[in-house]
């Protein structure tokens, strides 16, 4: 009897089901809600607004160079001189010819006045009077031509003194004293403006279309008509230290590259920025809109979608497909799929599935970075190859 009772007890224990495992505990939080403005990234270079190539307007021999290479020059500042002696002689000759033409005109006018008086008494014929009139007109024309030649010679003499056409930074000299230069051909040097300066870049057609759609919807003004803000950082900078305004968008898209040219105007009062310098920029890419912010690790990505887990009031997990945007304050923007009242699961995602029961430990999402664009690792300058001790 005792053996039978033990067997019956053992059989009853084997038929009993084990208790279910406890529901996992996960951290969950409501999304952080912020007004967000998107910024689009571009790569470009700085360009001088004015880039003047200094070429001579007369031919001759260089006799003087008066500028220091790579320095700032003012508009009208003396740069170079071409031997002025031949042009002084040409001017003196032209002035002499003008004086001769003036004397000829004075004599022609005197003869014309005399012939007019004699014509009244019929002492000269009408034909002779008309010849005197034609001579006076011819002498007047000769004088104007001689005076024009004198002014041209004076300009040639003035052009022997070459001055800076703009205020800016001058390059090195491309000629030496004694070189013969040819009018309109020989490059003497260049002068570029430095303040302000352009930041030029190419934008993809997709960005251009986005901006046009936003303008049509009243969300963002086009940079063609509005001075939208742009921030720039240099190759060795981690933050956007330079600020400008959009000032130009081209009128056509390049069919070979599918991009459109644009540039912004940037203040450069100390001349730190120079043409050709590389920079990364962020351009205002949208109007302000409300967005949900969550950590990147709360988003699950598979081959076709992105989704998050949310906890309903009954403690069950539901799957929500989401659309994501850029990073803001170290958190990912979610543009659609969740609301501010949803409890988003933040950890333990690998063991979850839709409909599972969980114990939600409600926490809070806080900003993880400053309210700025993501930082970049600065470019380290190369190590010197040689050094000397002093």
Protein backbone atom coordinates (compact mmCIF):
# COMPACT_ATOMS: atom_id res chain seq x y z
CA UNK A 1 0.00 0.00 0.00
CA UNK A 2 2.82 2.40 0.84
CA UNK A 3 4.52 1.69 -2.50
CA UNK A 4 1.26 2.35 -4.31
CA UNK A 5 0.79 5.72 -2.62
CA UNK A 6 4.36 6.76 -3.50
CA UNK A 7 3.78 5.80 -7.15
CA UNK A 8 0.53 7.72 -7.30
CA UNK A 9 2.19 10.80 -5.77
CA UNK A 10 5.06 10.62 -8.24
CA UNK A 11 2.65 10.35 -11.19
CA UNK A 12 0.72 13.40 -9.99
CA UNK A 13 3.86 15.54 -9.75
CA UNK A 14 4.89 14.61 -13.30
CA UNK A 15 1.55 15.79 -14.74
CA UNK A 16 1.69 19.26 -13.13
CA UNK A 17 2.79 22.13 -15.58
CA UNK A 18 5.74 24.31 -14.52
CA UNK A 19 4.89 27.94 -13.75
CA UNK A 20 5.45 30.43 -16.68
CA UNK A 21 8.63 32.56 -16.59
CA UNK A 22 8.20 36.02 -15.17
CA UNK A 23 7.70 38.89 -17.61
CA UNK A 24 10.99 40.63 -18.41
CA UNK A 25 11.61 44.07 -17.03
CA UNK A 26 12.51 46.70 -19.62
CA UNK A 27 13.24 50.41 -19.46
CA UNK A 28 10.70 52.51 -21.33
CA UNK A 29 10.22 56.24 -21.72
CA UNK A 30 8.12 58.78 -23.52
CA UNK A 31 9.87 60.41 -26.53
CA UNK A 32 11.50 63.76 -26.00
CA UNK A 33 9.51 66.33 -27.99
CA UNK A 34 11.33 69.26 -29.57
CA UNK A 35 10.91 71.83 -32.34
CA UNK A 36 13.54 70.83 -34.90
CA UNK A 37 15.15 72.56 -37.88
CA UNK A 38 16.98 70.37 -40.39
CA UNK A 39 20.41 71.30 -41.75
CA UNK A 40 21.81 69.86 -44.98
CA UNK A 41 25.54 69.11 -45.28
CA UNK A 42 27.71 70.30 -48.16
CA UNK A 43 31.38 70.34 -49.05
CA UNK A 44 32.89 73.33 -50.83
CA UNK A 45 35.71 75.83 -51.10
CA UNK A 46 36.17 79.52 -50.52
CA UNK A 47 36.44 81.82 -53.53
CA UNK A 48 37.38 85.47 -53.92
CA UNK A 49 34.46 87.66 -54.90
CA UNK A 50 36.79 89.57 -57.23
CA UNK A 51 39.90 88.07 -58.80
CA UNK A 52 41.71 90.66 -60.91
CA UNK A 53 44.48 89.60 -63.29
CA UNK A 54 46.83 92.54 -63.71
CA UNK A 55 47.99 92.86 -67.33
CA UNK A 56 49.66 95.88 -68.96
CA UNK A 57 47.64 98.14 -71.25
CA UNK A 58 50.78 99.30 -73.08
CA UNK A 59 53.86 97.41 -74.22
CA UNK A 60 57.26 98.26 -72.85
CA UNK A 61 60.04 97.43 -70.42
CA UNK A 62 59.37 97.03 -66.69
CA UNK A 63 61.43 99.62 -64.82
CA UNK A 64 59.98 99.46 -61.31
CA UNK A 65 58.12 97.04 -59.00
CA UNK A 66 56.72 98.66 -55.89
CA UNK A 67 54.54 96.10 -54.09
CA UNK A 68 55.34 93.44 -51.50
CA UNK A 69 54.23 90.00 -52.54
CA UNK A 70 51.32 88.45 -50.65
CA UNK A 71 50.44 91.66 -48.84
CA UNK A 72 47.29 93.73 -48.68
CA UNK A 73 46.95 96.50 -51.25
CA UNK A 74 44.45 99.33 -51.55
CA UNK A 75 42.54 100.30 -54.65
CA UNK A 76 44.66 102.72 -56.67
CA UNK A 77 47.92 101.73 -54.97
CA UNK A 78 51.00 101.86 -57.22
CA UNK A 79 52.25 98.38 -58.19
CA UNK A 80 54.55 98.49 -61.24
CA UNK A 81 55.95 100.94 -63.77
CA UNK A 82 56.67 100.48 -67.48
CA UNK A 83 59.35 102.73 -69.00
CA UNK A 84 57.42 105.98 -69.57
CA UNK A 85 60.00 107.82 -71.76
CA UNK A 86 58.74 106.66 -75.18
CA UNK A 87 55.20 107.56 -74.17
CA UNK A 88 56.22 111.01 -72.94
CA UNK A 89 57.82 111.63 -76.32
CA UNK A 90 54.71 110.39 -78.13
CA UNK A 91 52.55 112.67 -75.99
CA UNK A 92 54.75 115.70 -76.73
CA UNK A 93 54.54 114.93 -80.45
CA UNK A 94 50.74 114.57 -80.29
CA UNK A 95 50.43 117.82 -78.34
CA UNK A 96 52.57 119.58 -80.98
CA UNK A 97 50.35 118.26 -83.76
CA UNK A 98 47.30 119.45 -81.85
CA UNK A 99 48.85 122.93 -81.50
CA UNK A 100 49.58 122.98 -85.23
CA UNK A 101 46.00 121.97 -86.01
CA UNK A 102 44.73 124.70 -83.70
CA UNK A 103 46.81 127.31 -85.52
CA UNK A 104 45.58 126.05 -88.89
CA UNK A 105 41.99 126.31 -87.70
CA UNK A 106 42.52 129.87 -86.47
CA UNK A 107 43.95 130.87 -89.86
CA UNK A 108 41.08 129.15 -91.70
CA UNK A 109 38.53 131.00 -89.59
CA UNK A 110 40.23 134.33 -90.30
CA UNK A 111 40.18 133.67 -94.04
CA UNK A 112 36.56 132.57 -93.86
CA UNK A 113 35.56 135.78 -92.04
CA UNK A 114 37.40 137.90 -94.65
CA UNK A 115 35.78 135.98 -97.51
CA UNK A 116 32.33 136.51 -95.95
CA UNK A 117 32.82 140.30 -95.93
CA UNK A 118 34.12 140.30 -99.50
CA UNK A 119 31.18 138.17 -100.59
CA UNK A 120 28.79 140.92 -99.48
CA UNK A 121 30.51 143.37 -101.87
CA UNK A 122 30.86 140.64 -104.50
CA UNK A 123 34.65 140.96 -104.35
CA UNK A 124 34.89 137.14 -104.23
CA UNK A 125 32.79 134.52 -105.88
CA UNK A 126 30.37 132.23 -104.10
CA UNK A 127 32.57 129.29 -105.08
CA UNK A 128 35.65 130.82 -103.43
CA UNK A 129 33.65 131.51 -100.26
CA UNK A 130 32.49 127.93 -100.10
CA UNK A 131 36.09 126.75 -100.49
CA UNK A 132 37.08 128.88 -97.47
CA UNK A 133 34.14 127.42 -95.52
CA UNK A 134 35.20 123.87 -96.38
CA UNK A 135 38.78 124.66 -95.38
CA UNK A 136 37.57 125.93 -91.99
CA UNK A 137 35.51 122.80 -91.39
CA UNK A 138 38.41 120.57 -92.41
CA UNK A 139 40.78 122.42 -90.06
CA UNK A 140 38.27 122.02 -87.20
CA UNK A 141 38.06 118.28 -87.86
CA UNK A 142 41.86 118.03 -87.96
CA UNK A 143 42.05 119.79 -84.60
CA UNK A 144 39.58 117.36 -83.00
CA UNK A 145 41.55 114.41 -84.38
CA UNK A 146 44.84 115.86 -83.11
CA UNK A 147 43.34 116.51 -79.68
CA UNK A 148 42.00 112.94 -79.55
CA UNK A 149 45.45 111.63 -80.46
CA UNK A 150 46.93 113.73 -77.68
CA UNK A 151 44.44 112.34 -75.16
CA UNK A 152 45.24 108.82 -76.33
CA UNK A 153 48.94 109.47 -75.86
CA UNK A 154 48.24 110.89 -72.41
CA UNK A 155 46.33 107.70 -71.52
CA UNK A 156 49.21 105.54 -72.77
CA UNK A 157 51.56 107.52 -70.55
CA UNK A 158 49.18 107.08 -67.61
CA UNK A 159 49.00 103.33 -68.29
CA UNK A 160 52.75 103.03 -67.75
CA UNK A 161 51.94 103.40 -64.04
CA UNK A 162 50.06 100.24 -63.06
CA UNK A 163 47.83 100.51 -60.01
CA UNK A 164 45.68 98.04 -58.06
CA UNK A 165 42.17 98.01 -59.53
CA UNK A 166 40.62 96.69 -56.28
CA UNK A 167 41.40 96.47 -52.60
CA UNK A 168 42.62 93.01 -51.68
CA UNK A 169 45.63 90.74 -51.36
CA UNK A 170 48.25 90.76 -54.10
CA UNK A 171 50.02 87.63 -55.37
CA UNK A 172 53.69 87.34 -56.33
CA UNK A 173 55.21 89.23 -59.24
CA UNK A 174 55.24 87.32 -62.52
CA UNK A 175 57.84 89.58 -64.18
CA UNK A 176 61.15 91.11 -63.22
CA UNK A 177 62.67 94.52 -63.77
CA UNK A 178 63.93 94.72 -67.34
CA UNK A 179 61.36 92.29 -68.78
CA UNK A 180 59.50 93.41 -71.89
CA UNK A 181 55.76 93.07 -71.47
CA UNK A 182 53.09 93.05 -74.16
CA UNK A 183 49.88 95.03 -73.86
CA UNK A 184 46.92 92.85 -72.89
CA UNK A 185 48.94 89.61 -72.80
CA UNK A 186 51.64 89.46 -70.15
CA UNK A 187 50.35 88.56 -66.67
CA UNK A 188 52.03 90.81 -64.11
CA UNK A 189 50.31 89.62 -60.92
CA UNK A 190 46.83 89.06 -59.47
CA UNK A 191 44.80 90.75 -56.75
CA UNK A 192 41.94 88.99 -54.93
CA UNK A 193 39.43 90.39 -52.48
CA UNK A 194 39.35 88.76 -49.04
CA UNK A 195 36.55 90.49 -47.12
CA UNK A 196 33.89 89.39 -47.65
CA UNK A 197 34.56 86.04 -49.33
CA UNK A 198 32.39 83.45 -51.07
CA UNK A 199 31.87 79.85 -49.97
CA UNK A 200 31.00 77.97 -53.16
CA UNK A 201 29.55 74.47 -53.38
CA UNK A 202 27.48 72.20 -55.62
CA UNK A 203 24.11 70.88 -54.48
CA UNK A 204 22.44 67.70 -55.69
CA UNK A 205 19.30 67.94 -57.79
CA UNK A 206 17.36 66.12 -55.05
CA UNK A 207 18.17 68.89 -52.56
CA UNK A 208 17.15 71.53 -55.08
CA UNK A 209 13.80 69.81 -55.63
CA UNK A 210 13.26 69.56 -51.88
CA UNK A 211 13.86 73.29 -51.44
CA UNK A 212 11.48 74.16 -54.29
CA UNK A 213 8.75 71.97 -52.75
CA UNK A 214 9.29 73.59 -49.37
CA UNK A 215 9.02 77.05 -50.91
CA UNK A 216 5.77 76.10 -52.63
CA UNK A 217 4.41 74.81 -49.33
CA UNK A 218 5.51 77.95 -47.47
CA UNK A 219 7.89 76.04 -45.20
CA UNK A 220 11.21 77.54 -46.30
CA UNK A 221 12.21 80.42 -48.58
CA UNK A 222 14.44 79.63 -51.53
CA UNK A 223 18.09 80.64 -51.19
CA UNK A 224 17.76 82.29 -54.59
CA UNK A 225 15.64 85.04 -53.04
CA UNK A 226 16.27 84.75 -49.28
CA UNK A 227 19.59 85.03 -47.38
CA UNK A 228 19.26 81.65 -45.66
CA UNK A 229 21.90 81.04 -42.97
CA UNK A 230 24.85 78.73 -43.56
CA UNK A 231 27.49 77.59 -41.04
CA UNK A 232 30.97 76.43 -42.04
CA UNK A 233 33.83 74.60 -40.34
CA UNK A 234 37.36 74.27 -41.66
CA UNK A 235 39.42 71.09 -42.00
CA UNK A 236 40.99 71.44 -38.54
CA UNK A 237 37.84 72.58 -36.73
CA UNK A 238 35.33 70.48 -34.82
CA UNK A 239 32.57 73.09 -34.67
CA UNK A 240 30.98 75.53 -37.07
CA UNK A 241 32.88 78.76 -36.37
CA UNK A 242 32.12 80.63 -39.60
CA UNK A 243 28.71 81.99 -40.48
CA UNK A 244 27.35 83.41 -43.69
CA UNK A 245 24.26 83.99 -45.78
CA UNK A 246 23.26 82.49 -49.10
CA UNK A 247 23.62 84.98 -51.95
CA UNK A 248 23.49 82.99 -55.20
CA UNK A 249 21.90 79.89 -56.73
CA UNK A 250 22.65 79.18 -60.39
CA UNK A 251 19.97 79.23 -63.09
CA UNK A 252 20.54 75.71 -64.40
CA UNK A 253 21.54 72.21 -63.28
CA UNK A 254 24.71 70.79 -64.79
CA UNK A 255 23.53 67.80 -66.87
CA UNK A 256 26.89 66.02 -66.55
CA UNK A 257 26.95 65.99 -62.73
CA UNK A 258 23.31 66.51 -61.79
CA UNK A 259 24.24 69.37 -59.46
CA UNK A 260 23.59 73.08 -59.27
CA UNK A 261 26.13 75.74 -58.26
CA UNK A 262 25.57 78.06 -55.32
CA UNK A 263 27.56 80.26 -52.98
CA UNK A 264 27.20 82.09 -49.69
CA UNK A 265 28.81 85.34 -48.58
CA UNK A 266 30.95 85.07 -45.44
CA UNK A 267 32.49 87.93 -43.46
CA UNK A 268 36.29 87.71 -43.28
CA UNK A 269 37.47 90.94 -41.61
CA UNK A 270 40.86 89.58 -40.53
CA UNK A 271 41.59 87.85 -43.82
CA UNK A 272 41.95 84.42 -42.20
CA UNK A 273 40.00 82.69 -44.95
CA UNK A 274 41.74 82.53 -48.32
CA UNK A 275 40.47 81.45 -51.75
CA UNK A 276 40.78 77.72 -52.36
CA UNK A 277 40.40 76.77 -48.69
CA UNK A 278 38.28 73.66 -48.07
CA UNK A 279 35.27 73.66 -45.74
CA UNK A 280 32.23 71.66 -44.65
CA UNK A 281 28.97 73.53 -44.40
CA UNK A 282 25.47 73.05 -43.09
CA UNK A 283 22.67 74.95 -44.80
CA UNK A 284 19.22 75.59 -43.38
CA UNK A 285 17.29 72.64 -44.82
CA UNK A 286 13.75 73.06 -43.50
CA UNK A 287 11.35 75.13 -41.51
CA UNK A 288 10.75 74.38 -37.82
CA UNK A 289 8.65 71.30 -37.12
CA UNK A 290 7.77 69.19 -34.07
CA UNK A 291 9.62 65.89 -33.81
CA UNK A 292 9.95 62.98 -31.41
CA UNK A 293 13.50 62.26 -30.20
CA UNK A 294 14.64 58.82 -29.00
CA UNK A 295 18.04 57.09 -28.66
CA UNK A 296 19.39 55.33 -31.73
CA UNK A 297 19.63 52.02 -29.85
CA UNK A 298 15.84 51.98 -29.36
CA UNK A 299 15.36 51.63 -33.13
CA UNK A 300 15.45 48.17 -34.70
CA UNK A 301 16.43 47.96 -38.37
CA UNK A 302 15.83 45.03 -40.66
CA UNK A 303 16.12 44.71 -44.42
CA UNK A 304 12.88 46.52 -45.25
CA UNK A 305 11.92 48.74 -42.34
CA UNK A 306 12.76 50.49 -39.10
CA UNK A 307 10.58 50.00 -36.04
CA UNK A 308 10.41 50.45 -32.29
CA UNK A 309 8.66 48.57 -29.49
CA UNK A 310 6.07 50.41 -27.44
CA UNK A 311 4.31 49.22 -24.27
CA UNK A 312 0.52 49.50 -24.16
CA UNK A 313 -1.44 50.16 -20.95
CA UNK A 314 -1.88 46.39 -20.44
CA UNK A 315 1.88 45.81 -20.38
CA UNK A 316 2.05 44.19 -23.81
CA UNK A 317 4.64 45.09 -26.46
CA UNK A 318 3.51 46.42 -29.84
CA UNK A 319 5.61 47.02 -32.95
CA UNK A 320 5.52 50.50 -34.56
CA UNK A 321 7.11 51.25 -37.92
CA UNK A 322 8.87 54.63 -37.86
CA UNK A 323 10.42 57.17 -40.21
CA UNK A 324 13.66 58.67 -38.94
CA UNK A 325 15.55 61.88 -39.52
CA UNK A 326 18.84 63.45 -38.42
CA UNK A 327 20.51 63.49 -35.03
CA UNK A 328 19.54 66.33 -32.69
CA UNK A 329 21.09 66.79 -29.22
CA UNK A 330 22.53 63.29 -29.60
CA UNK A 331 19.11 61.70 -30.20
CA UNK A 332 17.46 60.45 -33.39
CA UNK A 333 14.56 62.39 -34.87
CA UNK A 334 11.45 60.28 -35.52
CA UNK A 335 9.17 62.06 -37.97
CA UNK A 336 6.30 59.55 -37.94
CA UNK A 337 5.17 56.31 -36.23
CA UNK A 338 5.08 57.32 -32.56
CA UNK A 339 3.58 60.06 -30.44
CA UNK A 340 4.54 61.90 -27.30
CA UNK A 341 2.28 59.65 -25.15
CA UNK A 342 3.83 56.35 -26.30
CA UNK A 343 6.14 54.39 -24.00
CA UNK A 344 9.12 53.39 -26.14
CA UNK A 345 11.20 50.41 -25.01
CA UNK A 346 14.84 51.43 -24.64
CA UNK A 347 16.66 48.17 -23.81
CA UNK A 348 16.36 44.39 -24.02
CA UNK A 349 15.16 44.59 -27.62
CA UNK A 350 16.87 41.38 -28.75
CA UNK A 351 14.50 39.21 -26.65
CA UNK A 352 11.25 41.00 -27.48
CA UNK A 353 8.54 40.32 -30.00
CA UNK A 354 5.14 41.77 -30.70
CA UNK A 355 2.49 40.82 -28.13
CA UNK A 356 4.97 39.85 -25.42
CA UNK A 357 4.19 40.76 -21.81
CA UNK A 358 6.74 43.01 -20.06
CA UNK A 359 7.17 44.96 -16.87
CA UNK A 360 7.88 48.53 -17.96
CA UNK A 361 10.26 50.49 -15.76
CA UNK A 362 9.40 54.07 -16.74
CA UNK A 363 12.44 56.30 -17.12
CA UNK A 364 13.22 59.57 -18.89
CA UNK A 365 15.04 60.45 -22.12
CA UNK A 366 17.53 63.31 -21.73
CA UNK A 367 19.62 65.17 -24.34
CA UNK A 368 23.01 63.55 -24.90
CA UNK A 369 24.83 66.41 -26.65
CA UNK A 370 24.78 70.15 -27.10
CA UNK A 371 22.14 71.61 -29.39
CA UNK A 372 24.44 71.63 -32.40
CA UNK A 373 25.33 69.56 -35.44
CA UNK A 374 27.38 66.38 -34.90
CA UNK A 375 31.04 67.14 -34.39
CA UNK A 376 33.80 65.84 -36.62
CA UNK A 377 37.28 64.69 -35.77
CA UNK A 378 39.73 67.52 -36.52
CA UNK A 379 42.34 66.92 -39.19
CA UNK A 380 45.77 66.52 -37.63
CA UNK A 381 48.55 68.47 -39.36
CA UNK A 382 51.39 66.33 -40.75
CA UNK A 383 54.55 65.93 -38.71
CA UNK A 384 57.55 67.98 -39.90
CA UNK A 385 60.24 66.07 -41.76
CA UNK A 386 63.15 68.12 -40.44
CA UNK A 387 63.95 70.44 -37.54
CA UNK A 388 66.80 72.69 -36.42
CA UNK A 389 67.93 73.60 -32.91
CA UNK A 390 68.42 77.22 -31.89
